[in-house]
Amino acid sequence: MTATRFKGWNREQMAARAALDIPDGSIVNLGIGIPEMVARFVPAGREVLYHTENGLLGMGPPPEPGQEDPELINAGKKPVTLNPGASFFHHADSFAMIRGHHIDICVLGAMQVSEGGDLANWSTGAKDAVPAVGGAMDLVAGVKTIYVITQHTTRDGTPKIVAQCSYPLTGKQVVSRIYTDLAVLEVTDTGLAVLEMAPGLNLDQLQSVTGCKLYPASSLCEGANQ
């Protein structure tokens, strides 16, 4: 499938935009990929405690080149830093925090997200697919609020925001908000509301690369640059 590609926000801008919606004092788990970048963009005046499944609370942004500590990594095996007051604990305790609903927000990547908030992010279901469940199923079941950061389409232009997921689900009706390179979308009882769009993009263009019906939020300002 081929489709028109629109220039939107880059990966850093997507992560920074998601970071704006994380309230002060939140405990947040970050998934692998673009979500990891969110730790770089804590808004001024806010304190956010980042959690990782392998047993760390108080994770900071990635270290400067050459300053990496091979013993200090996140769940994606990427080097991280520590914020003051950070703590280490057993892997089992980390999952007890997740399963006990002690994590406020989780930011995950996605292969597909449905208009109802269903998430598919661990397998395409193909016979040769390499499954990658990780902690995602625990996270979507145990964390209070789930955000997704993903490209709006695949490389060949296939929509990743769809009416129904065709890939195996990680969780059903679990996603609250979606951040893509083209828009910020809110999952509501009546469908996906468009909160913001990338500069220069209009609603018709966004709809043309989306696999389900979109609705403008009352606060939507087309092409607003955030």
N, C-alpha and C. Protein backbone atom coordinates (compact mmCIF):
# COMPACT_ATOMS: atom_id res chain seq x y z
N MET A 1 0.84 -1.20 0.00
CA MET A 1 0.00 0.00 0.00
C MET A 1 0.87 1.25 0.00
N THR A 2 0.54 2.22 -0.81
CA THR A 2 1.24 3.49 -0.80
C THR A 2 0.27 4.60 -0.49
N ALA A 3 0.74 5.62 0.18
CA ALA A 3 -0.12 6.72 0.55
C ALA A 3 0.71 7.98 0.64
N THR A 4 0.02 9.11 0.59
CA THR A 4 0.70 10.39 0.73
C THR A 4 1.36 10.46 2.09
N ARG A 5 2.62 10.93 2.11
CA ARG A 5 3.32 11.10 3.36
C ARG A 5 3.41 12.59 3.68
N PHE A 6 3.05 12.94 4.88
CA PHE A 6 3.09 14.33 5.31
C PHE A 6 4.24 14.51 6.29
N LYS A 7 4.86 15.68 6.21
CA LYS A 7 5.94 15.98 7.14
C LYS A 7 5.34 16.47 8.45
N GLY A 8 5.69 15.82 9.53
CA GLY A 8 5.15 16.19 10.84
C GLY A 8 6.26 16.42 11.84
N TRP A 9 5.96 16.16 13.10
CA TRP A 9 6.94 16.30 14.16
C TRP A 9 7.98 15.19 14.07
N ASN A 10 9.22 15.48 14.50
CA ASN A 10 10.22 14.43 14.57
C ASN A 10 10.09 13.67 15.89
N ARG A 11 10.93 12.66 16.08
CA ARG A 11 10.80 11.80 17.25
C ARG A 11 10.99 12.57 18.55
N GLU A 12 11.95 13.47 18.56
CA GLU A 12 12.18 14.26 19.78
C GLU A 12 10.99 15.16 20.09
N GLN A 13 10.40 15.75 19.07
CA GLN A 13 9.23 16.61 19.27
C GLN A 13 8.03 15.81 19.76
N MET A 14 7.88 14.59 19.26
CA MET A 14 6.80 13.73 19.72
C MET A 14 6.97 13.40 21.21
N ALA A 15 8.20 13.08 21.60
CA ALA A 15 8.47 12.75 23.00
C ALA A 15 8.27 13.98 23.89
N ALA A 16 8.72 15.13 23.43
CA ALA A 16 8.57 16.36 24.21
C ALA A 16 7.10 16.72 24.38
N ARG A 17 6.30 16.49 23.35
CA ARG A 17 4.87 16.80 23.44
C ARG A 17 4.19 15.89 24.46
N ALA A 18 4.53 14.62 24.46
CA ALA A 18 3.95 13.70 25.43
C ALA A 18 4.35 14.09 26.85
N ALA A 19 5.59 14.54 27.02
CA ALA A 19 6.07 14.92 28.34
C ALA A 19 5.26 16.08 28.92
N LEU A 20 4.73 16.95 28.06
CA LEU A 20 3.93 18.08 28.54
C LEU A 20 2.67 17.63 29.27
N ASP A 21 2.17 16.44 28.95
CA ASP A 21 0.93 15.96 29.54
C ASP A 21 1.13 15.11 30.79
N ILE A 22 2.37 14.98 31.24
CA ILE A 22 2.66 14.19 32.44
C ILE A 22 2.67 15.13 33.64
N PRO A 23 1.72 14.97 34.56
CA PRO A 23 1.62 15.90 35.70
C PRO A 23 2.80 15.81 36.65
N ASP A 24 3.02 16.89 37.36
CA ASP A 24 4.05 16.96 38.39
C ASP A 24 3.81 15.86 39.43
N GLY A 25 4.89 15.19 39.83
CA GLY A 25 4.81 14.16 40.86
C GLY A 25 4.41 12.79 40.38
N SER A 26 4.26 12.61 39.07
CA SER A 26 3.83 11.31 38.53
C SER A 26 4.96 10.28 38.59
N ILE A 27 4.55 9.02 38.74
CA ILE A 27 5.46 7.89 38.59
C ILE A 27 5.16 7.27 37.23
N VAL A 28 6.18 7.20 36.36
CA VAL A 28 5.96 6.92 34.95
C VAL A 28 6.89 5.81 34.47
N ASN A 29 6.34 4.85 33.74
CA ASN A 29 7.12 3.81 33.10
C ASN A 29 7.21 4.13 31.60
N LEU A 30 8.40 3.97 31.03
CA LEU A 30 8.61 4.27 29.62
C LEU A 30 8.94 3.01 28.84
N GLY A 31 8.25 2.80 27.74
CA GLY A 31 8.52 1.67 26.87
C GLY A 31 9.76 1.88 26.02
N ILE A 32 10.07 0.88 25.22
CA ILE A 32 11.27 0.90 24.38
C ILE A 32 11.01 1.70 23.11
N GLY A 33 12.05 2.39 22.63
CA GLY A 33 11.93 3.17 21.40
C GLY A 33 11.70 4.64 21.69
N ILE A 34 10.80 5.26 20.92
CA ILE A 34 10.52 6.69 21.10
C ILE A 34 10.11 7.00 22.54
N PRO A 35 9.31 6.16 23.21
CA PRO A 35 8.93 6.48 24.60
C PRO A 35 10.12 6.74 25.52
N GLU A 36 11.26 6.06 25.26
CA GLU A 36 12.44 6.27 26.11
C GLU A 36 12.89 7.72 26.11
N MET A 37 12.63 8.42 25.00
CA MET A 37 13.08 9.81 24.86
C MET A 37 12.33 10.77 25.78
N VAL A 38 11.16 10.36 26.27
CA VAL A 38 10.35 11.24 27.09
C VAL A 38 11.11 11.70 28.33
N ALA A 39 12.01 10.85 28.84
CA ALA A 39 12.77 11.19 30.05
C ALA A 39 13.67 12.41 29.86
N ARG A 40 13.93 12.78 28.61
CA ARG A 40 14.79 13.94 28.33
C ARG A 40 14.03 15.26 28.50
N PHE A 41 12.71 15.21 28.54
CA PHE A 41 11.93 16.43 28.36
C PHE A 41 10.97 16.72 29.53
N VAL A 42 11.45 16.60 30.74
CA VAL A 42 10.62 16.96 31.90
C VAL A 42 10.45 18.48 31.90
N PRO A 43 9.21 18.99 31.81
CA PRO A 43 9.02 20.45 31.79
C PRO A 43 9.57 21.11 33.04
N ALA A 44 10.04 22.32 32.89
CA ALA A 44 10.60 23.08 34.01
C ALA A 44 9.59 23.19 35.14
N GLY A 45 10.07 22.98 36.36
CA GLY A 45 9.21 23.11 37.52
C GLY A 45 8.47 21.84 37.91
N ARG A 46 8.64 20.77 37.13
CA ARG A 46 7.98 19.51 37.46
C ARG A 46 9.00 18.46 37.90
N GLU A 47 8.53 17.59 38.76
CA GLU A 47 9.33 16.42 39.16
C GLU A 47 8.57 15.18 38.75
N VAL A 48 9.22 14.33 37.96
CA VAL A 48 8.63 13.08 37.50
C VAL A 48 9.57 11.94 37.88
N LEU A 49 9.02 10.89 38.45
CA LEU A 49 9.81 9.72 38.83
C LEU A 49 9.63 8.65 37.75
N TYR A 50 10.72 8.38 37.03
CA TYR A 50 10.64 7.38 35.97
C TYR A 50 11.04 6.01 36.50
N HIS A 51 10.21 5.03 36.15
CA HIS A 51 10.34 3.65 36.62
C HIS A 51 10.69 2.75 35.45
N THR A 52 11.54 1.76 35.70
CA THR A 52 11.82 0.77 34.68
C THR A 52 11.71 -0.63 35.28
N GLU A 53 11.18 -1.56 34.48
CA GLU A 53 10.83 -2.89 34.99
C GLU A 53 11.99 -3.67 35.58
N ASN A 54 13.21 -3.36 35.13
CA ASN A 54 14.34 -4.13 35.63
C ASN A 54 14.81 -3.68 37.01
N GLY A 55 14.08 -2.74 37.65
CA GLY A 55 14.32 -2.47 39.07
C GLY A 55 14.94 -1.13 39.40
N LEU A 56 14.40 -0.06 38.81
CA LEU A 56 14.92 1.27 39.08
C LEU A 56 13.77 2.28 39.13
N LEU A 57 13.78 3.12 40.14
CA LEU A 57 12.84 4.24 40.24
C LEU A 57 13.68 5.50 40.44
N GLY A 58 13.47 6.49 39.56
CA GLY A 58 14.28 7.69 39.60
C GLY A 58 15.26 7.76 38.45
N MET A 59 14.89 7.11 37.32
CA MET A 59 15.74 7.10 36.13
C MET A 59 15.81 8.49 35.51
N GLY A 60 17.03 8.89 35.14
CA GLY A 60 17.24 10.16 34.47
C GLY A 60 17.41 9.97 32.97
N PRO A 61 17.76 11.03 32.26
CA PRO A 61 17.95 10.95 30.80
C PRO A 61 19.19 10.15 30.44
N PRO A 62 19.39 9.83 29.17
CA PRO A 62 20.59 9.10 28.77
C PRO A 62 21.85 9.88 29.12
N PRO A 63 22.94 9.17 29.40
CA PRO A 63 24.20 9.85 29.74
C PRO A 63 24.85 10.48 28.51
N GLU A 64 25.78 11.37 28.74
CA GLU A 64 26.56 11.94 27.65
C GLU A 64 27.44 10.85 27.04
N PRO A 65 27.75 10.94 25.75
CA PRO A 65 28.63 9.94 25.13
C PRO A 65 29.94 9.80 25.90
N GLY A 66 30.31 8.57 26.15
CA GLY A 66 31.53 8.29 26.90
C GLY A 66 31.33 8.18 28.40
N GLN A 67 30.12 8.55 28.88
CA GLN A 67 29.83 8.50 30.31
C GLN A 67 28.92 7.32 30.68
N GLU A 68 28.70 6.40 29.76
CA GLU A 68 27.81 5.29 30.00
C GLU A 68 28.38 4.33 31.06
N ASP A 69 27.48 3.81 31.88
CA ASP A 69 27.82 2.79 32.87
C ASP A 69 27.12 1.51 32.45
N PRO A 70 27.86 0.46 32.07
CA PRO A 70 27.22 -0.78 31.60
C PRO A 70 26.35 -1.46 32.64
N GLU A 71 26.52 -1.09 33.90
CA GLU A 71 25.70 -1.66 34.97
C GLU A 71 24.42 -0.85 35.21
N LEU A 72 24.25 0.24 34.49
CA LEU A 72 23.11 1.13 34.72
C LEU A 72 22.33 1.27 33.41
N ILE A 73 21.31 0.43 33.27
CA ILE A 73 20.54 0.38 32.02
C ILE A 73 19.05 0.33 32.34
N ASN A 74 18.25 0.62 31.32
CA ASN A 74 16.80 0.48 31.47
C ASN A 74 16.35 -0.88 30.95
N ALA A 75 15.05 -1.10 30.88
CA ALA A 75 14.53 -2.41 30.46
C ALA A 75 14.86 -2.73 29.01
N GLY A 76 15.14 -1.69 28.22
CA GLY A 76 15.53 -1.90 26.83
C GLY A 76 17.03 -2.04 26.64
N LYS A 77 17.75 -2.18 27.77
CA LYS A 77 19.21 -2.34 27.76
C LYS A 77 19.94 -1.10 27.27
N LYS A 78 19.28 0.07 27.37
CA LYS A 78 19.90 1.33 26.99
C LYS A 78 20.49 1.99 28.24
N PRO A 79 21.66 2.63 28.12
CA PRO A 79 22.25 3.29 29.28
C PRO A 79 21.41 4.47 29.74
N VAL A 80 21.31 4.63 31.06
CA VAL A 80 20.54 5.72 31.64
C VAL A 80 21.36 6.37 32.76
N THR A 81 20.82 7.44 33.32
CA THR A 81 21.43 8.09 34.47
C THR A 81 20.48 7.99 35.65
N LEU A 82 20.96 8.43 36.82
CA LEU A 82 20.14 8.43 38.03
C LEU A 82 19.85 9.86 38.45
N ASN A 83 18.62 10.11 38.84
CA ASN A 83 18.27 11.38 39.46
C ASN A 83 18.49 11.28 40.96
N PRO A 84 18.69 12.40 41.66
CA PRO A 84 18.85 12.35 43.12
C PRO A 84 17.69 11.63 43.79
N GLY A 85 18.02 10.72 44.70
CA GLY A 85 16.99 9.96 45.40
C GLY A 85 16.57 8.68 44.71
N ALA A 86 17.20 8.34 43.60
CA ALA A 86 16.84 7.12 42.87
C ALA A 86 17.07 5.89 43.73
N SER A 87 16.31 4.83 43.45
CA SER A 87 16.43 3.60 44.23
C SER A 87 16.41 2.38 43.33
N PHE A 88 17.06 1.32 43.80
CA PHE A 88 17.11 0.05 43.09
C PHE A 88 16.35 -1.01 43.88
N PHE A 89 15.78 -1.99 43.18
CA PHE A 89 15.04 -3.04 43.85
C PHE A 89 14.97 -4.27 42.94
N HIS A 90 14.49 -5.36 43.52
CA HIS A 90 14.40 -6.63 42.80
C HIS A 90 13.40 -6.53 41.65
N HIS A 91 13.67 -7.28 40.60
CA HIS A 91 12.78 -7.36 39.44
C HIS A 91 11.34 -7.69 39.86
N ALA A 92 11.20 -8.62 40.80
CA ALA A 92 9.86 -9.02 41.26
C ALA A 92 9.16 -7.86 41.97
N ASP A 93 9.90 -7.06 42.73
CA ASP A 93 9.31 -5.89 43.39
C ASP A 93 8.86 -4.86 42.36
N SER A 94 9.63 -4.75 41.28
CA SER A 94 9.27 -3.81 40.22
C SER A 94 7.93 -4.18 39.61
N PHE A 95 7.73 -5.47 39.35
CA PHE A 95 6.45 -5.90 38.78
C PHE A 95 5.33 -5.86 39.81
N ALA A 96 5.67 -5.97 41.08
CA ALA A 96 4.64 -5.80 42.11
C ALA A 96 4.13 -4.36 42.12
N MET A 97 5.01 -3.41 41.84
CA MET A 97 4.58 -2.01 41.72
C MET A 97 3.61 -1.85 40.56
N ILE A 98 3.92 -2.50 39.44
CA ILE A 98 3.06 -2.41 38.25
C ILE A 98 1.72 -3.09 38.51
N ARG A 99 1.78 -4.33 38.96
CA ARG A 99 0.55 -5.10 39.15
C ARG A 99 -0.29 -4.58 40.30
N GLY A 100 0.33 -3.87 41.22
CA GLY A 100 -0.39 -3.29 42.35
C GLY A 100 -0.95 -1.91 42.07
N HIS A 101 -0.87 -1.47 40.80
CA HIS A 101 -1.45 -0.18 40.37
C HIS A 101 -0.77 1.01 41.04
N HIS A 102 0.55 0.91 41.23
CA HIS A 102 1.29 2.00 41.86
C HIS A 102 1.97 2.92 40.84
N ILE A 103 1.89 2.58 39.55
CA ILE A 103 2.47 3.41 38.50
C ILE A 103 1.35 4.27 37.90
N ASP A 104 1.59 5.56 37.79
CA ASP A 104 0.55 6.47 37.33
C ASP A 104 0.34 6.45 35.83
N ILE A 105 1.44 6.47 35.08
CA ILE A 105 1.37 6.59 33.62
C ILE A 105 2.40 5.66 33.00
N CYS A 106 2.04 5.05 31.89
CA CYS A 106 3.00 4.29 31.09
C CYS A 106 2.94 4.83 29.66
N VAL A 107 4.11 5.03 29.06
CA VAL A 107 4.19 5.49 27.67
C VAL A 107 4.78 4.34 26.85
N LEU A 108 4.01 3.85 25.89
CA LEU A 108 4.40 2.68 25.11
C LEU A 108 4.43 2.98 23.62
N GLY A 109 5.15 2.17 22.87
CA GLY A 109 5.08 2.19 21.42
C GLY A 109 3.94 1.30 20.96
N ALA A 110 3.68 1.31 19.64
CA ALA A 110 2.56 0.52 19.13
C ALA A 110 2.77 0.12 17.68
N MET A 111 2.25 -1.05 17.35
CA MET A 111 2.12 -1.45 15.95
C MET A 111 0.77 -0.97 15.40
N GLN A 112 -0.26 -1.06 16.26
CA GLN A 112 -1.60 -0.58 15.92
C GLN A 112 -2.29 -0.10 17.19
N VAL A 113 -3.14 0.92 17.03
CA VAL A 113 -4.06 1.34 18.08
C VAL A 113 -5.42 1.52 17.45
N SER A 114 -6.47 0.99 18.10
CA SER A 114 -7.81 1.12 17.54
C SER A 114 -8.50 2.37 18.06
N GLU A 115 -9.59 2.74 17.40
CA GLU A 115 -10.34 3.92 17.82
C GLU A 115 -10.95 3.75 19.21
N GLY A 116 -11.06 2.52 19.68
CA GLY A 116 -11.58 2.26 21.02
C GLY A 116 -10.51 2.16 22.09
N GLY A 117 -9.23 2.35 21.69
CA GLY A 117 -8.15 2.29 22.66
C GLY A 117 -7.51 0.92 22.80
N ASP A 118 -7.84 -0.03 21.91
CA ASP A 118 -7.15 -1.32 21.93
C ASP A 118 -5.71 -1.13 21.46
N LEU A 119 -4.80 -1.87 22.06
CA LEU A 119 -3.38 -1.74 21.73
C LEU A 119 -2.81 -3.06 21.24
N ALA A 120 -2.08 -3.01 20.14
CA ALA A 120 -1.32 -4.16 19.63
C ALA A 120 0.12 -3.71 19.48
N ASN A 121 1.02 -4.27 20.27
CA ASN A 121 2.41 -3.81 20.18
C ASN A 121 3.44 -4.91 20.44
N TRP A 122 3.01 -6.19 20.36
CA TRP A 122 3.99 -7.23 20.67
C TRP A 122 4.22 -8.23 19.54
N SER A 123 3.31 -8.33 18.55
CA SER A 123 3.47 -9.28 17.46
C SER A 123 2.53 -8.92 16.32
N THR A 124 2.97 -9.21 15.10
CA THR A 124 2.08 -9.04 13.94
C THR A 124 1.20 -10.27 13.74
N GLY A 125 1.51 -11.35 14.45
CA GLY A 125 0.74 -12.58 14.29
C GLY A 125 1.22 -13.44 13.14
N ALA A 126 2.19 -12.96 12.37
CA ALA A 126 2.72 -13.74 11.25
C ALA A 126 3.53 -14.93 11.77
N LYS A 127 3.59 -16.00 10.98
CA LYS A 127 4.27 -17.21 11.41
C LYS A 127 5.75 -16.97 11.69
N ASP A 128 6.37 -16.05 10.94
CA ASP A 128 7.79 -15.79 11.12
C ASP A 128 8.06 -14.60 12.05
N ALA A 129 7.01 -14.06 12.67
CA ALA A 129 7.18 -12.90 13.55
C ALA A 129 7.87 -13.30 14.84
N VAL A 130 8.74 -12.42 15.32
CA VAL A 130 9.41 -12.64 16.59
C VAL A 130 8.60 -11.93 17.67
N PRO A 131 7.93 -12.68 18.56
CA PRO A 131 7.11 -12.03 19.58
C PRO A 131 7.97 -11.29 20.59
N ALA A 132 7.46 -10.19 21.10
CA ALA A 132 8.21 -9.38 22.07
C ALA A 132 7.25 -8.83 23.11
N VAL A 133 6.73 -9.73 23.94
CA VAL A 133 5.74 -9.33 24.94
C VAL A 133 6.37 -8.42 25.99
N GLY A 134 7.54 -8.78 26.51
CA GLY A 134 8.16 -7.98 27.55
C GLY A 134 7.21 -7.79 28.72
N GLY A 135 7.19 -6.57 29.28
CA GLY A 135 6.29 -6.28 30.39
C GLY A 135 5.02 -5.57 29.95
N ALA A 136 4.80 -5.46 28.64
CA ALA A 136 3.70 -4.63 28.14
C ALA A 136 2.33 -5.08 28.64
N MET A 137 2.10 -6.38 28.68
CA MET A 137 0.78 -6.86 29.10
C MET A 137 0.54 -6.57 30.58
N ASP A 138 1.58 -6.69 31.39
CA ASP A 138 1.45 -6.31 32.79
C ASP A 138 1.18 -4.81 32.91
N LEU A 139 1.88 -4.02 32.11
CA LEU A 139 1.76 -2.57 32.19
C LEU A 139 0.36 -2.09 31.82
N VAL A 140 -0.19 -2.60 30.72
CA VAL A 140 -1.51 -2.12 30.31
C VAL A 140 -2.60 -2.59 31.26
N ALA A 141 -2.34 -3.68 31.99
CA ALA A 141 -3.32 -4.18 32.96
C ALA A 141 -3.20 -3.49 34.32
N GLY A 142 -1.98 -3.01 34.66
CA GLY A 142 -1.76 -2.52 36.01
C GLY A 142 -1.55 -1.03 36.17
N VAL A 143 -1.24 -0.33 35.06
CA VAL A 143 -0.96 1.10 35.15
C VAL A 143 -2.24 1.90 34.94
N LYS A 144 -2.37 2.99 35.66
CA LYS A 144 -3.62 3.75 35.67
C LYS A 144 -3.93 4.41 34.33
N THR A 145 -2.91 4.97 33.65
CA THR A 145 -3.11 5.69 32.39
C THR A 145 -2.06 5.24 31.38
N ILE A 146 -2.51 4.90 30.17
CA ILE A 146 -1.61 4.46 29.11
C ILE A 146 -1.59 5.48 27.98
N TYR A 147 -0.39 6.00 27.68
CA TYR A 147 -0.17 6.84 26.50
C TYR A 147 0.60 6.01 25.47
N VAL A 148 0.37 6.30 24.20
CA VAL A 148 1.10 5.64 23.12
C VAL A 148 1.80 6.70 22.28
N ILE A 149 3.07 6.44 21.94
CA ILE A 149 3.80 7.25 20.97
C ILE A 149 4.15 6.35 19.80
N THR A 150 3.77 6.76 18.60
CA THR A 150 4.04 5.95 17.41
C THR A 150 3.99 6.81 16.16
N GLN A 151 4.62 6.36 15.10
CA GLN A 151 4.43 7.01 13.81
C GLN A 151 2.97 6.80 13.37
N HIS A 152 2.43 7.76 12.65
CA HIS A 152 1.02 7.69 12.28
C HIS A 152 0.76 6.56 11.28
N THR A 153 1.75 6.27 10.44
CA THR A 153 1.63 5.19 9.46
C THR A 153 2.92 4.36 9.45
N THR A 154 2.85 3.21 8.82
CA THR A 154 4.06 2.41 8.60
C THR A 154 4.87 3.06 7.48
N ARG A 155 6.02 2.51 7.19
CA ARG A 155 6.88 3.08 6.15
C ARG A 155 6.23 3.07 4.78
N ASP A 156 5.34 2.10 4.54
CA ASP A 156 4.67 2.06 3.23
C ASP A 156 3.35 2.82 3.22
N GLY A 157 3.07 3.54 4.31
CA GLY A 157 1.88 4.38 4.34
C GLY A 157 0.64 3.73 4.91
N THR A 158 0.75 2.51 5.40
CA THR A 158 -0.40 1.84 6.00
C THR A 158 -0.75 2.48 7.35
N PRO A 159 -2.01 2.82 7.59
CA PRO A 159 -2.37 3.46 8.86
C PRO A 159 -2.09 2.54 10.05
N LYS A 160 -1.57 3.13 11.12
CA LYS A 160 -1.39 2.40 12.38
C LYS A 160 -2.52 2.73 13.36
N ILE A 161 -3.29 3.78 13.06
CA ILE A 161 -4.45 4.15 13.84
C ILE A 161 -5.66 3.64 13.07
N VAL A 162 -6.35 2.65 13.61
CA VAL A 162 -7.32 1.87 12.84
C VAL A 162 -8.65 1.72 13.58
N ALA A 163 -9.67 1.27 12.84
CA ALA A 163 -10.97 1.01 13.46
C ALA A 163 -10.89 -0.19 14.40
N GLN A 164 -10.24 -1.26 13.92
CA GLN A 164 -10.02 -2.47 14.74
C GLN A 164 -8.63 -2.99 14.46
N CYS A 165 -7.93 -3.42 15.49
CA CYS A 165 -6.59 -3.98 15.32
C CYS A 165 -6.66 -5.33 14.63
N SER A 166 -5.78 -5.53 13.66
CA SER A 166 -5.69 -6.83 13.00
C SER A 166 -4.58 -7.68 13.61
N TYR A 167 -3.73 -7.09 14.42
CA TYR A 167 -2.66 -7.81 15.09
C TYR A 167 -3.14 -8.29 16.46
N PRO A 168 -2.47 -9.30 17.03
CA PRO A 168 -2.85 -9.77 18.37
C PRO A 168 -2.78 -8.63 19.39
N LEU A 169 -3.79 -8.56 20.26
CA LEU A 169 -3.88 -7.45 21.20
C LEU A 169 -2.95 -7.63 22.41
N THR A 170 -2.40 -6.51 22.85
CA THR A 170 -1.69 -6.44 24.12
C THR A 170 -2.70 -6.16 25.23
N GLY A 171 -3.67 -5.32 24.92
CA GLY A 171 -4.72 -4.99 25.87
C GLY A 171 -5.90 -4.37 25.15
N LYS A 172 -7.08 -4.54 25.71
CA LYS A 172 -8.31 -4.04 25.10
C LYS A 172 -8.80 -2.80 25.86
N GLN A 173 -9.06 -1.74 25.12
CA GLN A 173 -9.57 -0.48 25.67
C GLN A 173 -8.67 0.03 26.81
N VAL A 174 -7.39 0.10 26.53
CA VAL A 174 -6.42 0.50 27.56
C VAL A 174 -5.77 1.86 27.29
N VAL A 175 -5.77 2.32 26.06
CA VAL A 175 -5.05 3.53 25.68
C VAL A 175 -5.92 4.76 25.91
N SER A 176 -5.35 5.79 26.52
CA SER A 176 -6.06 7.04 26.76
C SER A 176 -5.74 8.10 25.71
N ARG A 177 -4.48 8.15 25.30
CA ARG A 177 -4.06 9.21 24.38
C ARG A 177 -2.96 8.68 23.46
N ILE A 178 -2.95 9.19 22.22
CA ILE A 178 -2.00 8.74 21.20
C ILE A 178 -1.24 9.96 20.68
N TYR A 179 0.08 9.85 20.65
CA TYR A 179 0.94 10.91 20.13
C TYR A 179 1.64 10.37 18.89
N THR A 180 1.38 10.94 17.74
CA THR A 180 2.04 10.51 16.51
C THR A 180 2.84 11.68 15.94
N ASP A 181 3.50 11.41 14.82
CA ASP A 181 4.25 12.49 14.17
C ASP A 181 3.32 13.51 13.52
N LEU A 182 2.02 13.19 13.43
CA LEU A 182 1.07 14.09 12.78
C LEU A 182 0.03 14.69 13.71
N ALA A 183 -0.23 14.06 14.86
CA ALA A 183 -1.33 14.55 15.69
C ALA A 183 -1.26 14.02 17.11
N VAL A 184 -2.04 14.66 17.97
CA VAL A 184 -2.32 14.15 19.32
C VAL A 184 -3.78 13.79 19.35
N LEU A 185 -4.09 12.54 19.69
CA LEU A 185 -5.45 12.01 19.64
C LEU A 185 -5.89 11.54 21.02
N GLU A 186 -7.12 11.85 21.37
CA GLU A 186 -7.70 11.42 22.64
C GLU A 186 -8.72 10.33 22.38
N VAL A 187 -8.62 9.22 23.12
CA VAL A 187 -9.62 8.15 23.02
C VAL A 187 -10.83 8.54 23.87
N THR A 188 -11.99 8.65 23.23
CA THR A 188 -13.22 9.02 23.94
C THR A 188 -14.29 7.97 23.71
N ASP A 189 -15.40 8.11 24.39
CA ASP A 189 -16.51 7.15 24.24
C ASP A 189 -17.13 7.21 22.85
N THR A 190 -16.92 8.30 22.14
CA THR A 190 -17.51 8.46 20.81
C THR A 190 -16.50 8.34 19.69
N GLY A 191 -15.26 7.99 20.01
CA GLY A 191 -14.24 7.84 18.98
C GLY A 191 -12.99 8.62 19.29
N LEU A 192 -12.14 8.81 18.27
CA LEU A 192 -10.87 9.49 18.45
C LEU A 192 -11.02 10.98 18.19
N ALA A 193 -10.73 11.77 19.21
CA ALA A 193 -10.80 13.22 19.09
C ALA A 193 -9.41 13.76 18.79
N VAL A 194 -9.33 14.65 17.83
CA VAL A 194 -8.05 15.28 17.46
C VAL A 194 -7.83 16.50 18.33
N LEU A 195 -6.82 16.43 19.19
CA LEU A 195 -6.51 17.54 20.08
C LEU A 195 -5.58 18.55 19.42
N GLU A 196 -4.60 18.05 18.66
CA GLU A 196 -3.63 18.90 17.99
C GLU A 196 -3.17 18.21 16.71
N MET A 197 -2.69 19.03 15.78
CA MET A 197 -2.09 18.49 14.56
C MET A 197 -0.76 19.18 14.30
N ALA A 198 0.10 18.51 13.54
CA ALA A 198 1.40 19.06 13.20
C ALA A 198 1.21 20.32 12.35
N PRO A 199 2.15 21.24 12.41
CA PRO A 199 2.04 22.48 11.65
C PRO A 199 1.81 22.23 10.16
N GLY A 200 0.89 22.97 9.57
CA GLY A 200 0.61 22.89 8.14
C GLY A 200 -0.33 21.78 7.73
N LEU A 201 -0.77 20.97 8.68
CA LEU A 201 -1.64 19.83 8.37
C LEU A 201 -3.09 20.20 8.67
N ASN A 202 -4.01 19.78 7.79
CA ASN A 202 -5.43 20.01 8.08
C ASN A 202 -6.13 18.68 8.36
N LEU A 203 -7.35 18.77 8.83
CA LEU A 203 -8.06 17.57 9.28
C LEU A 203 -8.31 16.60 8.13
N ASP A 204 -8.59 17.08 6.93
CA ASP A 204 -8.82 16.19 5.79
C ASP A 204 -7.56 15.40 5.46
N GLN A 205 -6.42 16.07 5.51
CA GLN A 205 -5.16 15.37 5.25
C GLN A 205 -4.89 14.31 6.31
N LEU A 206 -5.12 14.67 7.56
CA LEU A 206 -4.92 13.71 8.64
C LEU A 206 -5.85 12.52 8.48
N GLN A 207 -7.10 12.78 8.14
CA GLN A 207 -8.07 11.70 7.96
C GLN A 207 -7.65 10.76 6.84
N SER A 208 -7.01 11.28 5.80
CA SER A 208 -6.64 10.47 4.64
C SER A 208 -5.59 9.41 4.97
N VAL A 209 -4.85 9.59 6.07
CA VAL A 209 -3.83 8.61 6.44
C VAL A 209 -4.18 7.90 7.75
N THR A 210 -5.45 7.94 8.10
CA THR A 210 -5.95 7.31 9.32
C THR A 210 -6.99 6.26 8.97
N GLY A 211 -6.95 5.12 9.65
CA GLY A 211 -7.83 4.01 9.31
C GLY A 211 -9.15 3.98 10.05
N CYS A 212 -9.54 5.10 10.65
CA CYS A 212 -10.83 5.19 11.33
C CYS A 212 -11.28 6.65 11.31
N LYS A 213 -12.52 6.88 11.68
CA LYS A 213 -13.06 8.23 11.68
C LYS A 213 -12.45 9.06 12.80
N LEU A 214 -12.09 10.30 12.47
CA LEU A 214 -11.56 11.23 13.45
C LEU A 214 -12.56 12.36 13.68
N TYR A 215 -12.54 12.90 14.90
CA TYR A 215 -13.43 14.00 15.25
C TYR A 215 -12.60 15.14 15.84
N PRO A 216 -12.83 16.37 15.39
CA PRO A 216 -12.06 17.48 15.97
C PRO A 216 -12.52 17.77 17.40
N ALA A 217 -11.58 17.90 18.30
CA ALA A 217 -11.91 18.33 19.66
C ALA A 217 -12.29 19.81 19.62
N SER A 218 -13.05 20.25 20.58
CA SER A 218 -13.50 21.63 20.60
C SER A 218 -12.34 22.60 20.70
N SER A 219 -11.21 22.12 21.25
CA SER A 219 -10.05 22.98 21.43
C SER A 219 -9.09 22.93 20.25
N LEU A 220 -9.40 22.14 19.21
CA LEU A 220 -8.48 21.93 18.11
C LEU A 220 -8.19 23.23 17.36
N CYS A 221 -6.90 23.48 17.18
CA CYS A 221 -6.46 24.59 16.35
C CYS A 221 -5.63 23.99 15.24
N GLU A 222 -6.16 23.93 14.03
CA GLU A 222 -5.48 23.26 12.92
C GLU A 222 -4.13 23.92 12.64
N GLY A 223 -3.12 23.03 12.56
CA GLY A 223 -1.78 23.50 12.21
C GLY A 223 -1.08 24.21 13.34
N ALA A 224 -1.63 24.13 14.57
CA ALA A 224 -0.97 24.83 15.67
C ALA A 224 0.40 24.25 15.92
N ASN A 225 1.37 25.09 16.07
CA ASN A 225 2.74 24.64 16.31
C ASN A 225 2.99 24.58 17.81
N GLN A 226 3.21 23.37 18.33
CA GLN A 226 3.44 23.20 19.76
C GLN A 226 4.93 23.08 20.02
